[in-house]
Amino acid sequence: MDVLNKILKYFAEDAKPELIASLLVMLIVAIIGIVLGAAIKKADPKKPTKGLAIAAELIVEFSSKQITNNLGTAYLTFTPYLVFLYLYVPLAFVIGLFGLPSPITYFTIPLCLALVTWLGIQISAIRYQKLDYLKGFTSPLPTWLPVFVPINILSKCSPLLSLSMRMFGNAIAGYILMFLVYWATGLASEAIIGFAGPNFIGIVIAPLLHAYFDAFGAFIQTTIFTTLTMLLIAAEIPAPVDVDLNKIKEKKERKAKRVKKTQNA
């Protein structure tokens, strides 16, 4: 109970508003996932897909197709992360329209998203390049002459900063510009009516700008982030890596049968 009280106290007094907004977005993503997952389980494979199951299939198929085309079928296990990005990033931008701070304006959050991508890049490079990964730190000179090691280390870390700063910079620029718009239109409205009153100019101009910075910006940043995620990983592997999906399916079925036999025993 003491730990729970400390956690509740932290969120009540010390937590950043953007962090709370991020947790709310993740809760929404989780609810969407549960609802769509339930719809898929209820769907009859012998009948045409309908209702929410169609939305679930479209999201998963689109994500799987993007991964297959860029990375190969061996990376299909990466699909849940890509689906999460397709849901989380737009909602994190759009939530600002409802009076809540956008989580993307808190640098820690885009940094964490970029960190997951960066780890995927490094793990893929180590897996497929093996010793060549270490040799790359001295490139273009021989391994015994480590002059370029500091530069190559910075080069390896650059995707982490570029991915996070790009998204954060876009979100914070939109936030600052909207703040200035509301401030300027508020002064203009006050000058026209002669006293502090409703910002009637802002409510005319702001929706168009919100549509660009929040809605359109969310689409653009999601596309850029997910595309760069796949391209940066693809740059570290020799070519799209394909596996026999039928063998994987058979292996899973055999494992499920063994588990079922164990449970019955």
C-alpha atoms as a PDB file:
ATOM      1  CA  MET A   1       0.000   0.000   0.000  1.00  0.00           C
ATOM      2  CA  ASP A   2       2.901   2.378   0.715  1.00  0.00           C
ATOM      3  CA  VAL A   3       4.223   1.888  -2.817  1.00  0.00           C
ATOM      4  CA  LEU A   4       0.767   2.507  -4.297  1.00  0.00           C
ATOM      5  CA  ASN A   5       0.353   5.654  -2.197  1.00  0.00           C
ATOM      6  CA  LYS A   6       3.739   6.941  -3.370  1.00  0.00           C
ATOM      7  CA  ILE A   7       2.809   6.313  -7.001  1.00  0.00           C
ATOM      8  CA  LEU A   8      -0.543   8.086  -6.601  1.00  0.00           C
ATOM      9  CA  LYS A   9       1.160  10.992  -4.802  1.00  0.00           C
ATOM     10  CA  TYR A  10       3.695  11.293  -7.615  1.00  0.00           C
ATOM     11  CA  PHE A  11       1.012  11.497 -10.295  1.00  0.00           C
ATOM     12  CA  ALA A  12      -1.041  13.920  -8.189  1.00  0.00           C
ATOM     13  CA  GLU A  13       1.781  16.321  -7.300  1.00  0.00           C
ATOM     14  CA  ASP A  14       4.998  15.764  -9.257  1.00  0.00           C
ATOM     15  CA  ALA A  15       4.146  14.124 -12.587  1.00  0.00           C
ATOM     16  CA  LYS A  16       4.418  16.186 -15.729  1.00  0.00           C
ATOM     17  CA  PRO A  17       1.027  16.899 -17.384  1.00  0.00           C
ATOM     18  CA  GLU A  18       2.462  15.542 -20.640  1.00  0.00           C
ATOM     19  CA  LEU A  19       3.315  12.258 -18.911  1.00  0.00           C
ATOM     20  CA  ILE A  20      -0.239  11.907 -17.629  1.00  0.00           C
ATOM     21  CA  ALA A  21      -1.536  12.709 -21.125  1.00  0.00           C
ATOM     22  CA  SER A  22       0.794  10.033 -22.526  1.00  0.00           C
ATOM     23  CA  LEU A  23      -0.570   7.448 -20.090  1.00  0.00           C
ATOM     24  CA  LEU A  24      -4.077   8.429 -21.158  1.00  0.00           C
ATOM     25  CA  VAL A  25      -3.147   7.956 -24.821  1.00  0.00           C
ATOM     26  CA  MET A  26      -1.624   4.553 -24.062  1.00  0.00           C
ATOM     27  CA  LEU A  27      -4.806   3.618 -22.205  1.00  0.00           C
ATOM     28  CA  ILE A  28      -6.831   4.574 -25.286  1.00  0.00           C
ATOM     29  CA  VAL A  29      -4.477   2.531 -27.494  1.00  0.00           C
ATOM     30  CA  ALA A  30      -4.857  -0.439 -25.125  1.00  0.00           C
ATOM     31  CA  ILE A  31      -8.651  -0.162 -25.221  1.00  0.00           C
ATOM     32  CA  ILE A  32      -8.593   0.022 -29.027  1.00  0.00           C
ATOM     33  CA  GLY A  33      -6.353  -3.047 -29.121  1.00  0.00           C
ATOM     34  CA  ILE A  34      -8.624  -4.999 -26.773  1.00  0.00           C
ATOM     35  CA  VAL A  35     -11.764  -4.067 -28.706  1.00  0.00           C
ATOM     36  CA  LEU A  36     -10.247  -4.881 -32.105  1.00  0.00           C
ATOM     37  CA  GLY A  37      -8.712  -8.093 -30.753  1.00  0.00           C
ATOM     38  CA  ALA A  38     -12.086  -9.205 -29.416  1.00  0.00           C
ATOM     39  CA  ALA A  39     -13.668  -8.396 -32.781  1.00  0.00           C
ATOM     40  CA  ILE A  40     -11.085 -10.542 -34.588  1.00  0.00           C
ATOM     41  CA  LYS A  41     -11.608 -13.479 -32.216  1.00  0.00           C
ATOM     42  CA  LYS A  42     -15.366 -13.345 -32.746  1.00  0.00           C
ATOM     43  CA  ALA A  43     -15.045 -13.138 -36.534  1.00  0.00           C
ATOM     44  CA  ASP A  44     -15.895 -16.287 -38.456  1.00  0.00           C
ATOM     45  CA  PRO A  45     -13.029 -17.107 -40.878  1.00  0.00           C
ATOM     46  CA  LYS A  46     -15.516 -18.846 -43.181  1.00  0.00           C
ATOM     47  CA  LYS A  47     -17.566 -15.672 -43.640  1.00  0.00           C
ATOM     48  CA  PRO A  48     -16.662 -12.226 -45.035  1.00  0.00           C
ATOM     49  CA  THR A  49     -15.075  -9.927 -42.467  1.00  0.00           C
ATOM     50  CA  LYS A  50     -17.334  -7.188 -41.175  1.00  0.00           C
ATOM     51  CA  GLY A  51     -17.563  -4.512 -38.491  1.00  0.00           C
ATOM     52  CA  LEU A  52     -14.560  -3.700 -36.317  1.00  0.00           C
ATOM     53  CA  ALA A  53     -12.756  -6.803 -37.556  1.00  0.00           C
ATOM     54  CA  ILE A  54     -12.262  -5.021 -40.892  1.00  0.00           C
ATOM     55  CA  ALA A  55     -10.429  -2.145 -39.156  1.00  0.00           C
ATOM     56  CA  ALA A  56      -8.212  -4.611 -37.271  1.00  0.00           C
ATOM     57  CA  GLU A  57      -7.359  -6.494 -40.458  1.00  0.00           C
ATOM     58  CA  LEU A  58      -6.571  -3.294 -42.358  1.00  0.00           C
ATOM     59  CA  ILE A  59      -4.201  -2.011 -39.653  1.00  0.00           C
ATOM     60  CA  VAL A  60      -2.365  -5.315 -39.244  1.00  0.00           C
ATOM     61  CA  GLU A  61      -2.204  -6.080 -42.978  1.00  0.00           C
ATOM     62  CA  PHE A  62      -0.924  -2.595 -43.807  1.00  0.00           C
ATOM     63  CA  SER A  63       1.765  -2.814 -41.102  1.00  0.00           C
ATOM     64  CA  SER A  64       2.757  -6.349 -42.133  1.00  0.00           C
ATOM     65  CA  LYS A  65       2.983  -5.327 -45.793  1.00  0.00           C
ATOM     66  CA  GLN A  66       5.233  -2.371 -44.953  1.00  0.00           C
ATOM     67  CA  ILE A  67       7.551  -4.603 -42.918  1.00  0.00           C
ATOM     68  CA  THR A  68       7.601  -7.394 -45.516  1.00  0.00           C
ATOM     69  CA  ASN A  69       8.446  -4.987 -48.355  1.00  0.00           C
ATOM     70  CA  ASN A  70      11.216  -3.197 -46.449  1.00  0.00           C
ATOM     71  CA  LEU A  71      12.634  -5.782 -44.036  1.00  0.00           C
ATOM     72  CA  GLY A  72      11.308  -9.183 -45.071  1.00  0.00           C
ATOM     73  CA  THR A  73       9.055 -11.728 -43.426  1.00  0.00           C
ATOM     74  CA  ALA A  74      11.655 -12.421 -40.705  1.00  0.00           C
ATOM     75  CA  TYR A  75      10.710  -9.062 -39.170  1.00  0.00           C
ATOM     76  CA  LEU A  76       6.963  -9.695 -38.964  1.00  0.00           C
ATOM     77  CA  THR A  77       7.370  -9.989 -35.189  1.00  0.00           C
ATOM     78  CA  PHE A  78       8.058  -6.249 -35.362  1.00  0.00           C
ATOM     79  CA  THR A  79       4.430  -5.663 -36.437  1.00  0.00           C
ATOM     80  CA  PRO A  80       3.002  -4.920 -32.932  1.00  0.00           C
ATOM     81  CA  TYR A  81       5.476  -2.057 -32.443  1.00  0.00           C
ATOM     82  CA  LEU A  82       4.603  -0.590 -35.834  1.00  0.00           C
ATOM     83  CA  VAL A  83       0.872  -0.871 -35.094  1.00  0.00           C
ATOM     84  CA  PHE A  84       1.499   0.851 -31.758  1.00  0.00           C
ATOM     85  CA  LEU A  85       3.239   3.733 -33.541  1.00  0.00           C
ATOM     86  CA  TYR A  86       0.382   4.056 -36.045  1.00  0.00           C
ATOM     87  CA  LEU A  87      -2.034   4.448 -33.120  1.00  0.00           C
ATOM     88  CA  TYR A  88       0.005   6.238 -30.449  1.00  0.00           C
ATOM     89  CA  VAL A  89       1.714   9.028 -32.410  1.00  0.00           C
ATOM     90  CA  PRO A  90      -1.436  10.445 -34.111  1.00  0.00           C
ATOM     91  CA  LEU A  91      -3.389  10.302 -30.843  1.00  0.00           C
ATOM     92  CA  ALA A  92      -0.496  11.966 -28.981  1.00  0.00           C
ATOM     93  CA  PHE A  93      -0.703  14.900 -31.411  1.00  0.00           C
ATOM     94  CA  VAL A  94      -4.496  15.099 -31.689  1.00  0.00           C
ATOM     95  CA  ILE A  95      -5.090  14.967 -27.922  1.00  0.00           C
ATOM     96  CA  GLY A  96      -3.997  18.622 -27.818  1.00  0.00           C
ATOM     97  CA  LEU A  97      -7.284  19.516 -29.518  1.00  0.00           C
ATOM     98  CA  PHE A  98      -9.099  18.459 -26.338  1.00  0.00           C
ATOM     99  CA  GLY A  99      -7.224  20.852 -24.068  1.00  0.00           C
ATOM    100  CA  LEU A 100      -4.613  18.370 -22.884  1.00  0.00           C
ATOM    101  CA  PRO A 101      -0.868  18.879 -23.414  1.00  0.00           C
ATOM    102  CA  SER A 102       0.562  16.837 -26.256  1.00  0.00           C
ATOM    103  CA  PRO A 103       2.902  14.123 -24.915  1.00  0.00           C
ATOM    104  CA  ILE A 104       5.224  14.751 -27.871  1.00  0.00           C
ATOM    105  CA  THR A 105       6.079  18.206 -26.445  1.00  0.00           C
ATOM    106  CA  TYR A 106       7.776  16.413 -23.517  1.00  0.00           C
ATOM    107  CA  PHE A 107      11.147  15.411 -24.990  1.00  0.00           C
ATOM    108  CA  THR A 108      11.455  12.251 -22.895  1.00  0.00           C
ATOM    109  CA  ILE A 109       8.538  10.629 -24.747  1.00  0.00           C
ATOM    110  CA  PRO A 110       9.786  11.003 -28.348  1.00  0.00           C
ATOM    111  CA  LEU A 111      13.229  10.054 -27.013  1.00  0.00           C
ATOM    112  CA  CYS A 112      11.831   6.784 -25.626  1.00  0.00           C
ATOM    113  CA  LEU A 113      10.121   6.015 -28.945  1.00  0.00           C
ATOM    114  CA  ALA A 114      13.361   6.731 -30.790  1.00  0.00           C
ATOM    115  CA  LEU A 115      15.282   4.577 -28.288  1.00  0.00           C
ATOM    116  CA  VAL A 116      13.164   1.512 -29.159  1.00  0.00           C
ATOM    117  CA  THR A 117      13.853   2.101 -32.852  1.00  0.00           C
ATOM    118  CA  TRP A 118      17.566   2.659 -32.190  1.00  0.00           C
ATOM    119  CA  LEU A 119      17.812  -0.601 -30.229  1.00  0.00           C
ATOM    120  CA  GLY A 120      16.123  -2.385 -33.133  1.00  0.00           C
ATOM    121  CA  ILE A 121      18.730  -0.912 -35.491  1.00  0.00           C
ATOM    122  CA  GLN A 122      21.682  -1.989 -33.346  1.00  0.00           C
ATOM    123  CA  ILE A 123      20.307  -5.483 -32.622  1.00  0.00           C
ATOM    124  CA  SER A 124      19.675  -6.052 -36.334  1.00  0.00           C
ATOM    125  CA  ALA A 125      23.173  -4.830 -37.201  1.00  0.00           C
ATOM    126  CA  ILE A 126      24.815  -7.110 -34.627  1.00  0.00           C
ATOM    127  CA  ARG A 127      22.681 -10.079 -35.686  1.00  0.00           C
ATOM    128  CA  TYR A 128      23.438  -9.890 -39.407  1.00  0.00           C
ATOM    129  CA  GLN A 129      26.847  -8.179 -39.504  1.00  0.00           C
ATOM    130  CA  LYS A 130      28.395 -10.048 -36.554  1.00  0.00           C
ATOM    131  CA  LEU A 131      32.104  -9.124 -36.298  1.00  0.00           C
ATOM    132  CA  ASP A 132      31.774  -6.644 -39.157  1.00  0.00           C
ATOM    133  CA  TYR A 133      29.643  -4.561 -36.786  1.00  0.00           C
ATOM    134  CA  LEU A 134      32.668  -3.989 -34.539  1.00  0.00           C
ATOM    135  CA  LYS A 135      34.971  -3.476 -37.504  1.00  0.00           C
ATOM    136  CA  GLY A 136      32.655  -0.723 -38.689  1.00  0.00           C
ATOM    137  CA  PHE A 137      33.727   1.473 -35.770  1.00  0.00           C
ATOM    138  CA  THR A 138      37.213   1.902 -37.311  1.00  0.00           C
ATOM    139  CA  SER A 139      36.008   2.255 -40.924  1.00  0.00           C
ATOM    140  CA  PRO A 140      37.291   3.419 -43.397  1.00  0.00           C
ATOM    141  CA  LEU A 141      40.729   2.691 -41.897  1.00  0.00           C
ATOM    142  CA  PRO A 142      42.058  -0.751 -40.898  1.00  0.00           C
ATOM    143  CA  THR A 143      40.869  -2.267 -37.615  1.00  0.00           C
ATOM    144  CA  TRP A 144      44.214  -1.688 -35.879  1.00  0.00           C
ATOM    145  CA  LEU A 145      44.029   2.085 -36.523  1.00  0.00           C
ATOM    146  CA  PRO A 146      41.050   3.359 -34.433  1.00  0.00           C
ATOM    147  CA  VAL A 147      41.188   7.011 -35.519  1.00  0.00           C
ATOM    148  CA  PHE A 148      37.548   7.158 -36.604  1.00  0.00           C
ATOM    149  CA  VAL A 149      36.102   5.356 -33.564  1.00  0.00           C
ATOM    150  CA  PRO A 150      34.701   8.521 -31.864  1.00  0.00           C
ATOM    151  CA  ILE A 151      33.160   9.727 -35.136  1.00  0.00           C
ATOM    152  CA  ASN A 152      31.632   6.315 -35.868  1.00  0.00           C
ATOM    153  CA  ILE A 153      30.215   6.101 -32.336  1.00  0.00           C
ATOM    154  CA  LEU A 154      28.513   9.456 -32.890  1.00  0.00           C
ATOM    155  CA  SER A 155      27.289   8.171 -36.252  1.00  0.00           C
ATOM    156  CA  LYS A 156      25.742   5.124 -34.562  1.00  0.00           C
ATOM    157  CA  CYS A 157      23.984   7.362 -32.013  1.00  0.00           C
ATOM    158  CA  SER A 158      22.797   9.963 -34.532  1.00  0.00           C
ATOM    159  CA  PRO A 159      19.509   8.160 -35.406  1.00  0.00           C
ATOM    160  CA  LEU A 160      18.517   8.307 -31.741  1.00  0.00           C
ATOM    161  CA  LEU A 161      18.836  12.102 -31.709  1.00  0.00           C
ATOM    162  CA  SER A 162      17.524  12.768 -35.208  1.00  0.00           C
ATOM    163  CA  LEU A 163      14.349  10.697 -34.777  1.00  0.00           C
ATOM    164  CA  SER A 164      13.512  12.153 -31.365  1.00  0.00           C
ATOM    165  CA  MET A 165      14.443  15.766 -32.167  1.00  0.00           C
ATOM    166  CA  ARG A 166      12.514  15.755 -35.455  1.00  0.00           C
ATOM    167  CA  MET A 167       9.263  14.738 -33.796  1.00  0.00           C
ATOM    168  CA  PHE A 168       9.813  16.873 -30.689  1.00  0.00           C
ATOM    169  CA  GLY A 169      10.792  19.930 -32.737  1.00  0.00           C
ATOM    170  CA  ASN A 170       7.692  19.675 -34.903  1.00  0.00           C
ATOM    171  CA  ALA A 171       5.393  19.335 -31.883  1.00  0.00           C
ATOM    172  CA  ILE A 172       6.976  22.125 -29.836  1.00  0.00           C
ATOM    173  CA  ALA A 173       7.054  24.473 -32.862  1.00  0.00           C
ATOM    174  CA  GLY A 174       3.319  23.923 -33.372  1.00  0.00           C
ATOM    175  CA  TYR A 175       2.675  24.502 -29.659  1.00  0.00           C
ATOM    176  CA  ILE A 176       4.629  27.786 -29.624  1.00  0.00           C
ATOM    177  CA  LEU A 177       3.012  29.060 -32.818  1.00  0.00           C
ATOM    178  CA  MET A 178      -0.484  28.276 -31.515  1.00  0.00           C
ATOM    179  CA  PHE A 179       0.351  30.039 -28.235  1.00  0.00           C
ATOM    180  CA  LEU A 180       1.416  33.143 -30.173  1.00  0.00           C
ATOM    181  CA  VAL A 181      -1.717  32.971 -32.341  1.00  0.00           C
ATOM    182  CA  TYR A 182      -3.996  32.825 -29.287  1.00  0.00           C
ATOM    183  CA  TRP A 183      -2.037  35.625 -27.626  1.00  0.00           C
ATOM    184  CA  ALA A 184      -2.165  37.895 -30.703  1.00  0.00           C
ATOM    185  CA  THR A 185      -5.826  37.222 -31.508  1.00  0.00           C
ATOM    186  CA  GLY A 186      -6.704  37.734 -27.847  1.00  0.00           C
ATOM    187  CA  LEU A 187      -5.126  41.192 -27.888  1.00  0.00           C
ATOM    188  CA  ALA A 188      -6.827  41.992 -31.188  1.00  0.00           C
ATOM    189  CA  SER A 189     -10.231  40.899 -29.862  1.00  0.00           C
ATOM    190  CA  GLU A 190      -9.718  42.977 -26.714  1.00  0.00           C
ATOM    191  CA  ALA A 191      -8.750  46.032 -28.789  1.00  0.00           C
ATOM    192  CA  ILE A 192     -11.881  45.739 -30.943  1.00  0.00           C
ATOM    193  CA  ILE A 193     -14.436  45.319 -28.142  1.00  0.00           C
ATOM    194  CA  GLY A 194     -12.581  47.650 -25.750  1.00  0.00           C
ATOM    195  CA  PHE A 195     -12.400  45.256 -22.777  1.00  0.00           C
ATOM    196  CA  ALA A 196     -11.138  41.789 -21.861  1.00  0.00           C
ATOM    197  CA  GLY A 197     -13.663  39.398 -23.325  1.00  0.00           C
ATOM    198  CA  PRO A 198     -13.984  36.317 -25.518  1.00  0.00           C
ATOM    199  CA  ASN A 199     -11.296  35.759 -28.133  1.00  0.00           C
ATOM    200  CA  PHE A 200     -13.709  35.798 -31.087  1.00  0.00           C
ATOM    201  CA  ILE A 201     -10.912  36.223 -33.644  1.00  0.00           C
ATOM    202  CA  GLY A 202      -9.028  33.215 -32.290  1.00  0.00           C
ATOM    203  CA  ILE A 203     -11.974  30.854 -32.604  1.00  0.00           C
ATOM    204  CA  VAL A 204     -12.133  31.687 -36.329  1.00  0.00           C
ATOM    205  CA  ILE A 205      -8.414  31.390 -37.125  1.00  0.00           C
ATOM    206  CA  ALA A 206      -7.283  28.701 -34.677  1.00  0.00           C
ATOM    207  CA  PRO A 207      -9.263  25.714 -36.044  1.00  0.00           C
ATOM    208  CA  LEU A 208      -7.530  25.953 -39.422  1.00  0.00           C
ATOM    209  CA  LEU A 209      -4.111  26.064 -37.775  1.00  0.00           C
ATOM    210  CA  HIS A 210      -5.013  23.225 -35.417  1.00  0.00           C
ATOM    211  CA  ALA A 211      -6.048  21.158 -38.427  1.00  0.00           C
ATOM    212  CA  TYR A 212      -2.541  21.636 -39.843  1.00  0.00           C
ATOM    213  CA  PHE A 213      -0.343  21.412 -36.740  1.00  0.00           C
ATOM    214  CA  ASP A 214      -2.310  18.721 -34.902  1.00  0.00           C
ATOM    215  CA  ALA A 215      -4.187  16.628 -37.473  1.00  0.00           C
ATOM    216  CA  PHE A 216      -2.050  16.925 -40.630  1.00  0.00           C
ATOM    217  CA  GLY A 217       1.160  17.178 -38.586  1.00  0.00           C
ATOM    218  CA  ALA A 218       0.238  13.945 -36.786  1.00  0.00           C
ATOM    219  CA  PHE A 219      -0.147  12.113 -40.096  1.00  0.00           C
ATOM    220  CA  ILE A 220       3.138  13.474 -41.473  1.00  0.00           C
ATOM    221  CA  GLN A 221       5.170  12.738 -38.331  1.00  0.00           C
ATOM    222  CA  THR A 222       3.751   9.223 -38.024  1.00  0.00           C
ATOM    223  CA  THR A 223       4.620   8.486 -41.638  1.00  0.00           C
ATOM    224  CA  ILE A 224       8.128   9.918 -41.308  1.00  0.00           C
ATOM    225  CA  PHE A 225       8.907   8.146 -38.042  1.00  0.00           C
ATOM    226  CA  THR A 226       7.663   4.721 -39.139  1.00  0.00           C
ATOM    227  CA  THR A 227       9.279   4.973 -42.572  1.00  0.00           C
ATOM    228  CA  LEU A 228      12.645   6.009 -41.132  1.00  0.00           C
ATOM    229  CA  THR A 229      12.391   3.231 -38.547  1.00  0.00           C
ATOM    230  CA  MET A 230      12.159   0.602 -41.293  1.00  0.00           C
ATOM    231  CA  LEU A 231      14.711   2.258 -43.599  1.00  0.00           C
ATOM    232  CA  LEU A 232      17.321   2.610 -40.853  1.00  0.00           C
ATOM    233  CA  ILE A 233      16.937  -1.042 -39.875  1.00  0.00           C
ATOM    234  CA  ALA A 234      17.003  -2.082 -43.557  1.00  0.00           C
ATOM    235  CA  ALA A 235      20.310  -0.214 -43.969  1.00  0.00           C
ATOM    236  CA  GLU A 236      21.919  -2.522 -41.389  1.00  0.00           C
ATOM    237  CA  ILE A 237      20.825  -5.838 -42.918  1.00  0.00           C
ATOM    238  CA  PRO A 238      22.146  -7.310 -46.188  1.00  0.00           C
ATOM    239  CA  ALA A 239      18.703  -7.504 -47.846  1.00  0.00           C
ATOM    240  CA  PRO A 240      15.072  -8.137 -46.877  1.00  0.00           C
ATOM    241  CA  VAL A 241      15.263 -11.321 -44.803  1.00  0.00           C
ATOM    242  CA  ASP A 242      12.549 -13.849 -45.613  1.00  0.00           C
ATOM    243  CA  VAL A 243      11.610 -16.994 -43.731  1.00  0.00           C
ATOM    244  CA  ASP A 244       9.241 -19.861 -44.480  1.00  0.00           C
ATOM    245  CA  LEU A 245       6.022 -18.756 -42.788  1.00  0.00           C
ATOM    246  CA  ASN A 246       4.456 -22.196 -43.226  1.00  0.00           C
ATOM    247  CA  LYS A 247       7.252 -23.812 -41.194  1.00  0.00           C
ATOM    248  CA  ILE A 248       6.811 -21.220 -38.445  1.00  0.00           C
ATOM    249  CA  LYS A 249       3.061 -21.864 -38.431  1.00  0.00           C
ATOM    250  CA  GLU A 250       3.611 -25.616 -38.204  1.00  0.00           C
ATOM    251  CA  LYS A 251       6.100 -25.123 -35.367  1.00  0.00           C
ATOM    252  CA  LYS A 252       3.586 -23.043 -33.433  1.00  0.00           C
ATOM    253  CA  GLU A 253       0.863 -25.633 -33.999  1.00  0.00           C
ATOM    254  CA  ARG A 254       3.134 -28.434 -32.725  1.00  0.00           C
ATOM    255  CA  LYS A 255       4.010 -26.361 -29.665  1.00  0.00           C
ATOM    256  CA  ALA A 256       0.320 -25.674 -28.993  1.00  0.00           C
ATOM    257  CA  LYS A 257      -0.446 -29.409 -29.243  1.00  0.00           C
ATOM    258  CA  ARG A 258       2.338 -30.237 -26.768  1.00  0.00           C
ATOM    259  CA  VAL A 259       1.044 -27.639 -24.328  1.00  0.00           C
ATOM    260  CA  LYS A 260      -2.490 -29.039 -24.676  1.00  0.00           C
ATOM    261  CA  LYS A 261      -1.297 -32.599 -24.057  1.00  0.00           C
ATOM    262  CA  THR A 262       0.617 -31.437 -20.975  1.00  0.00           C
ATOM    263  CA  GLN A 263      -2.437 -29.671 -19.616  1.00  0.00           C
ATOM    264  CA  ASN A 264      -4.661 -32.740 -20.223  1.00  0.00           C
ATOM    265  CA  ALA A 265      -2.133 -34.990 -18.519  1.00  0.00           C
END
